[in-house]
PDB file of N, CA and C in Angstrom:
ATOM      1  N   MET A   1       8.807  -3.646   8.079  1.00  0.00           N
ATOM      2  CA  MET A   1       8.001  -2.285   7.550  1.00  0.00           C
ATOM      3  C   MET A   1       8.794  -0.985   6.444  1.00  0.00           C
ATOM      4  N   ASN A   2      10.340  -0.754   6.005  1.00  0.00           N
ATOM      5  CA  ASN A   2      10.833  -0.342   5.535  1.00  0.00           C
ATOM      6  C   ASN A   2      10.674  -0.352   4.458  1.00  0.00           C
ATOM      7  N   ASP A   3      10.254  -1.362   3.653  1.00  0.00           N
ATOM      8  CA  ASP A   3       9.552  -1.776   2.348  1.00  0.00           C
ATOM      9  C   ASP A   3       8.667  -0.428   1.919  1.00  0.00           C
ATOM     10  N   ALA A   4       7.237  -1.349   3.500  1.00  0.00           N
ATOM     11  CA  ALA A   4       6.522  -0.419   2.774  1.00  0.00           C
ATOM     12  C   ALA A   4       5.862   0.666   3.433  1.00  0.00           C
ATOM     13  N   PHE A   5       7.696   1.931   4.057  1.00  0.00           N
ATOM     14  CA  PHE A   5       7.654   2.437   3.750  1.00  0.00           C
ATOM     15  C   PHE A   5       7.854   3.632   2.322  1.00  0.00           C
ATOM     16  N   LYS A   6       8.591   3.105   1.889  1.00  0.00           N
ATOM     17  CA  LYS A   6       9.188   2.821   0.401  1.00  0.00           C
ATOM     18  C   LYS A   6       8.353   2.746  -0.266  1.00  0.00           C
ATOM     19  N   ALA A   7       7.252   2.317  -0.376  1.00  0.00           N
ATOM     20  CA  ALA A   7       6.499   1.573  -1.656  1.00  0.00           C
ATOM     21  C   ALA A   7       5.035   2.587  -1.431  1.00  0.00           C
ATOM     22  N   LEU A   8       5.176   3.139  -0.145  1.00  0.00           N
ATOM     23  CA  LEU A   8       4.365   4.049   0.341  1.00  0.00           C
ATOM     24  C   LEU A   8       4.749   6.128  -0.092  1.00  0.00           C
ATOM     25  N   ALA A   9       5.607   5.552  -0.779  1.00  0.00           N
ATOM     26  CA  ALA A   9       6.866   6.942  -0.486  1.00  0.00           C
ATOM     27  C   ALA A   9       6.339   7.664  -2.457  1.00  0.00           C
ATOM     28  N   ASP A  10       5.527   6.765  -3.068  1.00  0.00           N
ATOM     29  CA  ASP A  10       5.549   6.501  -4.527  1.00  0.00           C
ATOM     30  C   ASP A  10       3.609   7.045  -4.209  1.00  0.00           C
ATOM     31  N   PRO A  11       3.740   8.018  -5.382  1.00  0.00           N
ATOM     32  CA  PRO A  11       1.518   9.036  -5.248  1.00  0.00           C
ATOM     33  C   PRO A  11       0.946   8.208  -6.281  1.00  0.00           C
ATOM     34  N   THR A  12       1.514   7.249  -7.146  1.00  0.00           N
ATOM     35  CA  THR A  12       1.313   6.129  -8.162  1.00  0.00           C
ATOM     36  C   THR A  12       0.716   4.483  -7.319  1.00  0.00           C
ATOM     37  N   ARG A  13       1.687   4.163  -5.841  1.00  0.00           N
ATOM     38  CA  ARG A  13       1.478   3.663  -5.730  1.00  0.00           C
ATOM     39  C   ARG A  13       0.331   3.015  -4.810  1.00  0.00           C
ATOM     40  N   ARG A  14      -0.210   5.092  -3.861  1.00  0.00           N
ATOM     41  CA  ARG A  14      -1.085   5.049  -3.311  1.00  0.00           C
ATOM     42  C   ARG A  14      -2.558   5.739  -3.617  1.00  0.00           C
ATOM     43  N   LYS A  15      -2.374   5.430  -5.354  1.00  0.00           N
ATOM     44  CA  LYS A  15      -3.800   5.454  -5.366  1.00  0.00           C
ATOM     45  C   LYS A  15      -4.015   4.492  -6.079  1.00  0.00           C
ATOM     46  N   ILE A  16      -2.566   3.368  -5.918  1.00  0.00           N
ATOM     47  CA  ILE A  16      -3.669   2.191  -5.841  1.00  0.00           C
ATOM     48  C   ILE A  16      -4.047   1.267  -5.143  1.00  0.00           C
ATOM     49  N   LEU A  17      -3.602   0.974  -3.764  1.00  0.00           N
ATOM     50  CA  LEU A  17      -3.963   1.395  -2.960  1.00  0.00           C
ATOM     51  C   LEU A  17      -5.727   2.209  -2.037  1.00  0.00           C
ATOM     52  N   GLU A  18      -5.424   2.834  -2.826  1.00  0.00           N
ATOM     53  CA  GLU A  18      -7.249   3.476  -2.745  1.00  0.00           C
ATOM     54  C   GLU A  18      -7.263   2.802  -3.749  1.00  0.00           C
ATOM     55  N   LEU A  19      -7.991   2.826  -4.923  1.00  0.00           N
ATOM     56  CA  LEU A  19      -8.368   1.744  -5.596  1.00  0.00           C
ATOM     57  C   LEU A  19      -8.576   0.519  -4.366  1.00  0.00           C
ATOM     58  N   LEU A  20      -7.583  -0.312  -4.356  1.00  0.00           N
ATOM     59  CA  LEU A  20      -7.849  -1.738  -3.886  1.00  0.00           C
ATOM     60  C   LEU A  20      -8.554  -1.585  -2.681  1.00  0.00           C
ATOM     61  N   SER A  21      -8.778  -0.552  -2.064  1.00  0.00           N
ATOM     62  CA  SER A  21      -9.571  -0.480  -0.649  1.00  0.00           C
ATOM     63  C   SER A  21     -10.957   0.051  -1.126  1.00  0.00           C
ATOM     64  N   GLU A  22     -11.761  -0.175  -2.379  1.00  0.00           N
ATOM     65  CA  GLU A  22     -12.643   0.104  -3.172  1.00  0.00           C
ATOM     66  C   GLU A  22     -13.836  -1.453  -2.613  1.00  0.00           C
ATOM     67  N   ASN A  23     -12.374  -2.478  -3.997  1.00  0.00           N
ATOM     68  CA  ASN A  23     -13.121  -3.401  -4.070  1.00  0.00           C
ATOM     69  C   ASN A  23     -11.684  -4.143  -4.180  1.00  0.00           C
ATOM     70  N   ASP A  24     -11.424  -5.782  -4.649  1.00  0.00           N
ATOM     71  CA  ASP A  24     -10.546  -5.975  -5.803  1.00  0.00           C
ATOM     72  C   ASP A  24     -10.422  -5.586  -6.604  1.00  0.00           C
ATOM     73  N   LYS A  25      -9.187  -5.835  -7.468  1.00  0.00           N
ATOM     74  CA  LYS A  25      -8.979  -5.536  -9.160  1.00  0.00           C
ATOM     75  C   LYS A  25      -8.248  -6.101  -9.566  1.00  0.00           C
ATOM     76  N   ASN A  26      -8.548  -6.944 -11.300  1.00  0.00           N
ATOM     77  CA  ASN A  26      -7.449  -6.722 -12.308  1.00  0.00           C
ATOM     78  C   ASN A  26      -6.896  -6.542 -12.020  1.00  0.00           C
ATOM     79  N   ALA A  27      -5.113  -6.873 -12.941  1.00  0.00           N
ATOM     80  CA  ALA A  27      -4.201  -5.014 -13.243  1.00  0.00           C
ATOM     81  C   ALA A  27      -5.080  -4.665 -13.791  1.00  0.00           C
ATOM     82  N   GLY A  28      -5.773  -5.163 -15.039  1.00  0.00           N
ATOM     83  CA  GLY A  28      -6.156  -4.062 -16.673  1.00  0.00           C
ATOM     84  C   GLY A  28      -7.209  -3.176 -15.951  1.00  0.00           C
ATOM     85  N   GLU A  29      -8.058  -3.594 -14.312  1.00  0.00           N
ATOM     86  CA  GLU A  29      -8.728  -3.317 -14.312  1.00  0.00           C
ATOM     87  C   GLU A  29      -8.298  -1.283 -13.377  1.00  0.00           C
ATOM     88  N   ILE A  30      -6.908  -1.840 -13.057  1.00  0.00           N
ATOM     89  CA  ILE A  30      -5.905  -0.973 -12.048  1.00  0.00           C
ATOM     90  C   ILE A  30      -5.714   0.351 -13.406  1.00  0.00           C
ATOM     91  N   ALA A  31      -4.983  -1.027 -14.490  1.00  0.00           N
ATOM     92  CA  ALA A  31      -4.910   0.249 -15.343  1.00  0.00           C
ATOM     93  C   ALA A  31      -5.292   1.111 -16.149  1.00  0.00           C
ATOM     94  N   ASP A  32      -6.646   0.693 -16.113  1.00  0.00           N
ATOM     95  CA  ASP A  32      -7.312   1.867 -16.674  1.00  0.00           C
ATOM     96  C   ASP A  32      -7.139   3.072 -15.856  1.00  0.00           C
ATOM     97  N   TYR A  33      -7.051   3.435 -14.438  1.00  0.00           N
ATOM     98  CA  TYR A  33      -7.354   4.804 -14.265  1.00  0.00           C
ATOM     99  C   TYR A  33      -6.016   6.039 -14.279  1.00  0.00           C
ATOM    100  N   PHE A  34      -5.177   5.219 -14.935  1.00  0.00           N
ATOM    101  CA  PHE A  34      -3.971   5.643 -15.439  1.00  0.00           C
ATOM    102  C   PHE A  34      -3.270   6.172 -16.137  1.00  0.00           C
ATOM    103  N   ASN A  35      -2.803   6.547 -16.873  1.00  0.00           N
ATOM    104  CA  ASN A  35      -1.873   6.853 -17.878  1.00  0.00           C
ATOM    105  C   ASN A  35      -0.383   7.111 -17.920  1.00  0.00           C
ATOM    106  N   ILE A  36      -0.087   5.505 -17.910  1.00  0.00           N
ATOM    107  CA  ILE A  36       1.163   5.010 -17.630  1.00  0.00           C
ATOM    108  C   ILE A  36       0.859   3.574 -18.052  1.00  0.00           C
ATOM    109  N   SER A  37       2.432   2.998 -19.354  1.00  0.00           N
ATOM    110  CA  SER A  37       2.149   1.680 -19.342  1.00  0.00           C
ATOM    111  C   SER A  37       1.516   0.571 -18.404  1.00  0.00           C
ATOM    112  N   LYS A  38       1.155  -0.743 -19.398  1.00  0.00           N
ATOM    113  CA  LYS A  38       0.564  -1.621 -17.843  1.00  0.00           C
ATOM    114  C   LYS A  38       2.007  -2.339 -17.513  1.00  0.00           C
ATOM    115  N   PRO A  39       3.396  -2.158 -18.294  1.00  0.00           N
ATOM    116  CA  PRO A  39       4.337  -2.857 -18.010  1.00  0.00           C
ATOM    117  C   PRO A  39       4.542  -1.945 -16.198  1.00  0.00           C
ATOM    118  N   SER A  40       4.313  -0.639 -16.449  1.00  0.00           N
ATOM    119  CA  SER A  40       5.065  -0.023 -15.284  1.00  0.00           C
ATOM    120  C   SER A  40       3.777  -0.250 -14.017  1.00  0.00           C
ATOM    121  N   ILE A  41       2.890  -0.260 -14.192  1.00  0.00           N
ATOM    122  CA  ILE A  41       1.610  -0.916 -13.207  1.00  0.00           C
ATOM    123  C   ILE A  41       2.211  -2.210 -12.965  1.00  0.00           C
ATOM    124  N   SER A  42       2.336  -2.813 -13.465  1.00  0.00           N
ATOM    125  CA  SER A  42       3.283  -4.065 -13.487  1.00  0.00           C
ATOM    126  C   SER A  42       4.299  -3.790 -11.533  1.00  0.00           C
ATOM    127  N   HIS A  43       5.450  -3.349 -12.862  1.00  0.00           N
ATOM    128  CA  HIS A  43       6.068  -2.585 -11.449  1.00  0.00           C
ATOM    129  C   HIS A  43       5.678  -2.337 -10.072  1.00  0.00           C
ATOM    130  N   HIS A  44       4.757  -1.444 -11.059  1.00  0.00           N
ATOM    131  CA  HIS A  44       4.281  -0.731  -9.367  1.00  0.00           C
ATOM    132  C   HIS A  44       3.607  -2.039  -8.028  1.00  0.00           C
ATOM    133  N   LEU A  45       2.805  -2.648  -8.907  1.00  0.00           N
ATOM    134  CA  LEU A  45       2.346  -3.450  -8.339  1.00  0.00           C
ATOM    135  C   LEU A  45       2.986  -4.723  -7.776  1.00  0.00           C
ATOM    136  N   ASN A  46       4.337  -4.916  -7.950  1.00  0.00           N
ATOM    137  CA  ASN A  46       4.819  -5.791  -7.762  1.00  0.00           C
ATOM    138  C   ASN A  46       5.594  -5.358  -6.139  1.00  0.00           C
ATOM    139  N   ILE A  47       5.775  -4.051  -6.700  1.00  0.00           N
ATOM    140  CA  ILE A  47       7.006  -3.558  -5.207  1.00  0.00           C
ATOM    141  C   ILE A  47       5.999  -3.706  -3.788  1.00  0.00           C
ATOM    142  N   LEU A  48       4.327  -3.421  -4.494  1.00  0.00           N
ATOM    143  CA  LEU A  48       3.305  -3.071  -3.370  1.00  0.00           C
ATOM    144  C   LEU A  48       2.879  -4.550  -3.039  1.00  0.00           C
ATOM    145  N   LYS A  49       3.164  -5.995  -3.552  1.00  0.00           N
ATOM    146  CA  LYS A  49       3.428  -7.238  -3.329  1.00  0.00           C
ATOM    147  C   LYS A  49       4.350  -7.148  -2.370  1.00  0.00           C
ATOM    148  N   ASN A  50       5.850  -6.826  -2.441  1.00  0.00           N
ATOM    149  CA  ASN A  50       6.901  -7.357  -2.539  1.00  0.00           C
ATOM    150  C   ASN A  50       7.002  -6.218  -0.702  1.00  0.00           C
ATOM    151  N   ALA A  51       5.994  -5.254  -0.893  1.00  0.00           N
ATOM    152  CA  ALA A  51       5.730  -4.695   0.837  1.00  0.00           C
ATOM    153  C   ALA A  51       5.363  -5.331   1.788  1.00  0.00           C
ATOM    154  N   ASP A  52       4.440  -6.458   1.076  1.00  0.00           N
ATOM    155  CA  ASP A  52       3.405  -7.048   1.993  1.00  0.00           C
ATOM    156  C   ASP A  52       2.072  -6.343   2.076  1.00  0.00           C
ATOM    157  N   LEU A  53       1.633  -5.159   1.108  1.00  0.00           N
ATOM    158  CA  LEU A  53       0.553  -4.371   1.103  1.00  0.00           C
ATOM    159  C   LEU A  53      -0.160  -4.445   0.327  1.00  0.00           C
ATOM    160  N   ILE A  54      -0.081  -5.471  -0.993  1.00  0.00           N
ATOM    161  CA  ILE A  54      -1.478  -6.198  -1.240  1.00  0.00           C
ATOM    162  C   ILE A  54      -1.481  -7.130  -1.295  1.00  0.00           C
ATOM    163  N   SER A  55      -1.578  -8.489  -1.561  1.00  0.00           N
ATOM    164  CA  SER A  55      -1.603  -9.521  -2.486  1.00  0.00           C
ATOM    165  C   SER A  55      -2.649 -10.415  -3.853  1.00  0.00           C
ATOM    166  N   ASP A  56      -2.536 -11.059  -4.286  1.00  0.00           N
ATOM    167  CA  ASP A  56      -3.238 -11.778  -5.358  1.00  0.00           C
ATOM    168  C   ASP A  56      -3.031 -12.923  -4.852  1.00  0.00           C
ATOM    169  N   GLU A  57      -4.007 -13.079  -6.183  1.00  0.00           N
ATOM    170  CA  GLU A  57      -5.018 -14.562  -6.097  1.00  0.00           C
ATOM    171  C   GLU A  57      -5.335 -15.119  -8.254  1.00  0.00           C
ATOM    172  N   ARG A  58      -5.000 -15.744  -8.606  1.00  0.00           N
ATOM    173  CA  ARG A  58      -5.041 -15.869  -9.768  1.00  0.00           C
ATOM    174  C   ARG A  58      -6.629 -16.659  -9.791  1.00  0.00           C
ATOM    175  N   GLN A  59      -7.577 -15.727 -10.667  1.00  0.00           N
ATOM    176  CA  GLN A  59      -8.930 -16.598 -10.776  1.00  0.00           C
ATOM    177  C   GLN A  59      -8.899 -16.665 -12.158  1.00  0.00           C
ATOM    178  N   GLY A  60      -9.162 -17.794 -12.667  1.00  0.00           N
ATOM    179  CA  GLY A  60      -8.488 -17.999 -14.306  1.00  0.00           C
ATOM    180  C   GLY A  60      -8.123 -16.944 -14.519  1.00  0.00           C
ATOM    181  N   GLN A  61      -8.438 -16.543 -15.683  1.00  0.00           N
ATOM    182  CA  GLN A  61      -6.911 -16.297 -16.091  1.00  0.00           C
ATOM    183  C   GLN A  61      -6.418 -14.772 -15.682  1.00  0.00           C
ATOM    184  N   ASN A  62      -7.108 -14.227 -14.414  1.00  0.00           N
ATOM    185  CA  ASN A  62      -6.399 -13.126 -14.532  1.00  0.00           C
ATOM    186  C   ASN A  62      -6.387 -12.980 -12.864  1.00  0.00           C
ATOM    187  N   ILE A  63      -4.928 -12.114 -12.861  1.00  0.00           N
ATOM    188  CA  ILE A  63      -4.394 -12.088 -11.165  1.00  0.00           C
ATOM    189  C   ILE A  63      -5.404 -11.136 -10.484  1.00  0.00           C
ATOM    190  N   VAL A  64      -5.790 -12.019  -9.274  1.00  0.00           N
ATOM    191  CA  VAL A  64      -6.361  -9.869  -8.868  1.00  0.00           C
ATOM    192  C   VAL A  64      -6.049  -9.027  -7.142  1.00  0.00           C
ATOM    193  N   TYR A  65      -6.203  -8.213  -7.437  1.00  0.00           N
ATOM    194  CA  TYR A  65      -4.954  -7.591  -6.384  1.00  0.00           C
ATOM    195  C   TYR A  65      -6.179  -7.335  -5.025  1.00  0.00           C
ATOM    196  N   SER A  66      -5.612  -7.567  -3.890  1.00  0.00           N
ATOM    197  CA  SER A  66      -6.624  -7.136  -2.877  1.00  0.00           C
ATOM    198  C   SER A  66      -5.099  -6.153  -1.597  1.00  0.00           C
ATOM    199  N   LEU A  67      -6.014  -5.515  -0.881  1.00  0.00           N
ATOM    200  CA  LEU A  67      -5.237  -4.999   0.002  1.00  0.00           C
ATOM    201  C   LEU A  67      -5.086  -6.134   1.154  1.00  0.00           C
ATOM    202  N   ASN A  68      -3.934  -5.674   1.636  1.00  0.00           N
ATOM    203  CA  ASN A  68      -3.313  -6.365   3.094  1.00  0.00           C
ATOM    204  C   ASN A  68      -3.414  -6.100   3.932  1.00  0.00           C
ATOM    205  N   THR A  69      -4.374  -5.925   4.823  1.00  0.00           N
ATOM    206  CA  THR A  69      -5.062  -4.682   6.218  1.00  0.00           C
ATOM    207  C   THR A  69      -4.267  -5.038   7.175  1.00  0.00           C
ATOM    208  N   THR A  70      -3.557  -6.846   7.043  1.00  0.00           N
ATOM    209  CA  THR A  70      -2.903  -6.648   8.389  1.00  0.00           C
ATOM    210  C   THR A  70      -1.392  -6.333   7.966  1.00  0.00           C
ATOM    211  N   VAL A  71      -0.915  -5.712   7.271  1.00  0.00           N
ATOM    212  CA  VAL A  71       0.288  -4.606   7.728  1.00  0.00           C
ATOM    213  C   VAL A  71      -0.508  -3.463   7.534  1.00  0.00           C
ATOM    214  N   PHE A  72      -1.648  -2.843   6.888  1.00  0.00           N
ATOM    215  CA  PHE A  72      -1.724  -1.806   7.383  1.00  0.00           C
ATOM    216  C   PHE A  72      -2.144  -1.624   8.934  1.00  0.00           C
ATOM    217  N   GLU A  73      -2.469  -2.630   9.510  1.00  0.00           N
ATOM    218  CA  GLU A  73      -3.085  -2.447  10.872  1.00  0.00           C
ATOM    219  C   GLU A  73      -1.058  -2.130  11.887  1.00  0.00           C
ATOM    220  N   ASP A  74      -0.266  -3.056  11.067  1.00  0.00           N
ATOM    221  CA  ASP A  74       1.233  -3.077  12.246  1.00  0.00           C
ATOM    222  C   ASP A  74       1.323  -1.216  11.767  1.00  0.00           C
ATOM    223  N   LEU A  75       1.346  -0.806  10.588  1.00  0.00           N
ATOM    224  CA  LEU A  75       1.855   0.253  10.413  1.00  0.00           C
ATOM    225  C   LEU A  75       1.332   1.880  11.051  1.00  0.00           C
ATOM    226  N   VAL A  76      -0.024   1.123  11.572  1.00  0.00           N
ATOM    227  CA  VAL A  76      -1.113   2.409  11.608  1.00  0.00           C
ATOM    228  C   VAL A  76      -0.312   1.978  13.159  1.00  0.00           C
ATOM    229  N   LYS A  77      -0.494   0.950  13.780  1.00  0.00           N
ATOM    230  CA  LYS A  77       0.120   0.403  15.300  1.00  0.00           C
ATOM    231  C   LYS A  77       1.667   1.407  15.778  1.00  0.00           C
ATOM    232  N   TRP A  78       2.578   1.230  14.657  1.00  0.00           N
ATOM    233  CA  TRP A  78       3.470   2.082  14.597  1.00  0.00           C
ATOM    234  C   TRP A  78       3.813   4.164  15.062  1.00  0.00           C
ATOM    235  N   PHE A  79       2.628   4.179  13.963  1.00  0.00           N
ATOM    236  CA  PHE A  79       2.331   5.533  14.445  1.00  0.00           C
ATOM    237  C   PHE A  79       1.398   6.015  15.683  1.00  0.00           C
ATOM    238  N   PHE A  80       1.158   5.391  15.928  1.00  0.00           N
ATOM    239  CA  PHE A  80       0.305   5.295  17.261  1.00  0.00           C
ATOM    240  C   PHE A  80       1.298   5.323  18.713  1.00  0.00           C
ATOM    241  N   ASP A  81       2.246   4.534  18.554  1.00  0.00           N
ATOM    242  CA  ASP A  81       3.312   4.031  19.244  1.00  0.00           C
ATOM    243  C   ASP A  81       4.517   5.334  19.136  1.00  0.00           C
ATOM    244  N   PHE A  82       4.890   5.787  17.818  1.00  0.00           N
ATOM    245  CA  PHE A  82       5.571   6.635  17.628  1.00  0.00           C
ATOM    246  C   PHE A  82       5.088   8.497  18.067  1.00  0.00           C
ATOM    247  N   THR A  83       3.483   8.180  18.179  1.00  0.00           N
ATOM    248  CA  THR A  83       3.143   9.463  18.266  1.00  0.00           C
ATOM    249  C   THR A  83       3.173   9.943  19.794  1.00  0.00           C
ATOM    250  N   LYS A  84       2.689   8.534  21.074  1.00  0.00           N
ATOM    251  CA  LYS A  84       2.615   8.761  22.375  1.00  0.00           C
ATOM    252  C   LYS A  84       4.037   8.520  22.303  1.00  0.00           C
ATOM    253  N   LYS A  85       5.106   7.487  21.994  1.00  0.00           N
ATOM    254  CA  LYS A  85       6.219   8.144  22.759  1.00  0.00           C
ATOM    255  C   LYS A  85       6.575   9.473  22.274  1.00  0.00           C
ATOM    256  N   ASN A  86       6.571  10.532  21.813  1.00  0.00           N
ATOM    257  CA  ASN A  86       6.856  11.601  21.158  1.00  0.00           C
ATOM    258  C   ASN A  86       6.713  11.974  22.108  1.00  0.00           C
ATOM    259  N   ASN A  87       4.524  12.328  22.405  1.00  0.00           N
ATOM    260  CA  ASN A  87       3.914  13.007  22.960  1.00  0.00           C
ATOM    261  C   ASN A  87       4.101  12.999  24.295  1.00  0.00           C
ATOM    262  N   SER A  88       4.841  11.657  24.819  1.00  0.00           N
ATOM    263  CA  SER A  88       5.055  12.415  26.866  1.00  0.00           C
ATOM    264  C   SER A  88       6.098  12.485  26.550  1.00  0.00           C
ATOM    265  N   GLY A  89       7.012  12.937  26.313  1.00  0.00           N
ATOM    266  CA  GLY A  89       8.828  12.944  25.381  1.00  0.00           C
ATOM    267  C   GLY A  89       9.118  13.676  27.274  1.00  0.00           C
ATOM    268  N   GLY A  90       8.534  14.067  28.112  1.00  0.00           N
ATOM    269  CA  GLY A  90       9.542  14.725  29.338  1.00  0.00           C
ATOM    270  C   GLY A  90       9.786  15.948  29.352  1.00  0.00           C
ATOM    271  N   GLY A  91       9.427  16.476  28.196  1.00  0.00           N
ATOM    272  CA  GLY A  91      10.457  18.025  28.250  1.00  0.00           C
ATOM    273  C   GLY A  91       9.093  19.218  27.763  1.00  0.00           C
ATOM    274  N   THR A  92       8.889  19.815  28.364  1.00  0.00           N
ATOM    275  CA  THR A  92       7.828  20.824  28.584  1.00  0.00           C
ATOM    276  C   THR A  92       7.996  21.893  27.348  1.00  0.00           C
ATOM    277  N   ASP A  93       7.146  22.564  26.955  1.00  0.00           N
ATOM    278  CA  ASP A  93       6.807  23.157  25.774  1.00  0.00           C
ATOM    279  C   ASP A  93       5.721  24.233  26.173  1.00  0.00           C
ATOM    280  N   GLU A  94       6.035  25.054  27.538  1.00  0.00           N
ATOM    281  CA  GLU A  94       5.481  26.301  27.885  1.00  0.00           C
ATOM    282  C   GLU A  94       5.685  27.291  27.204  1.00  0.00           C
TER     283      GLU A  94
END
């Protein structure tokens, strides 16, 4: 999960995830949304892939990227569990 948090720390990677939430895209389609080099996009995609936030599939000559929603479900569960523990922490703030 630490890799996922590190990947999410970067605004470019968060934007890539937003784009992929709309629909699956290849690297060229993703790169069209940014004013950075294609190797930089590839680097960001590799970080997201290593964190299991996205997956890729070869379709002909293209590699198509899609969200891995299972990891997002795990992150959301962690946030809910974390806030639940902190909200029932035993102290009173009156």
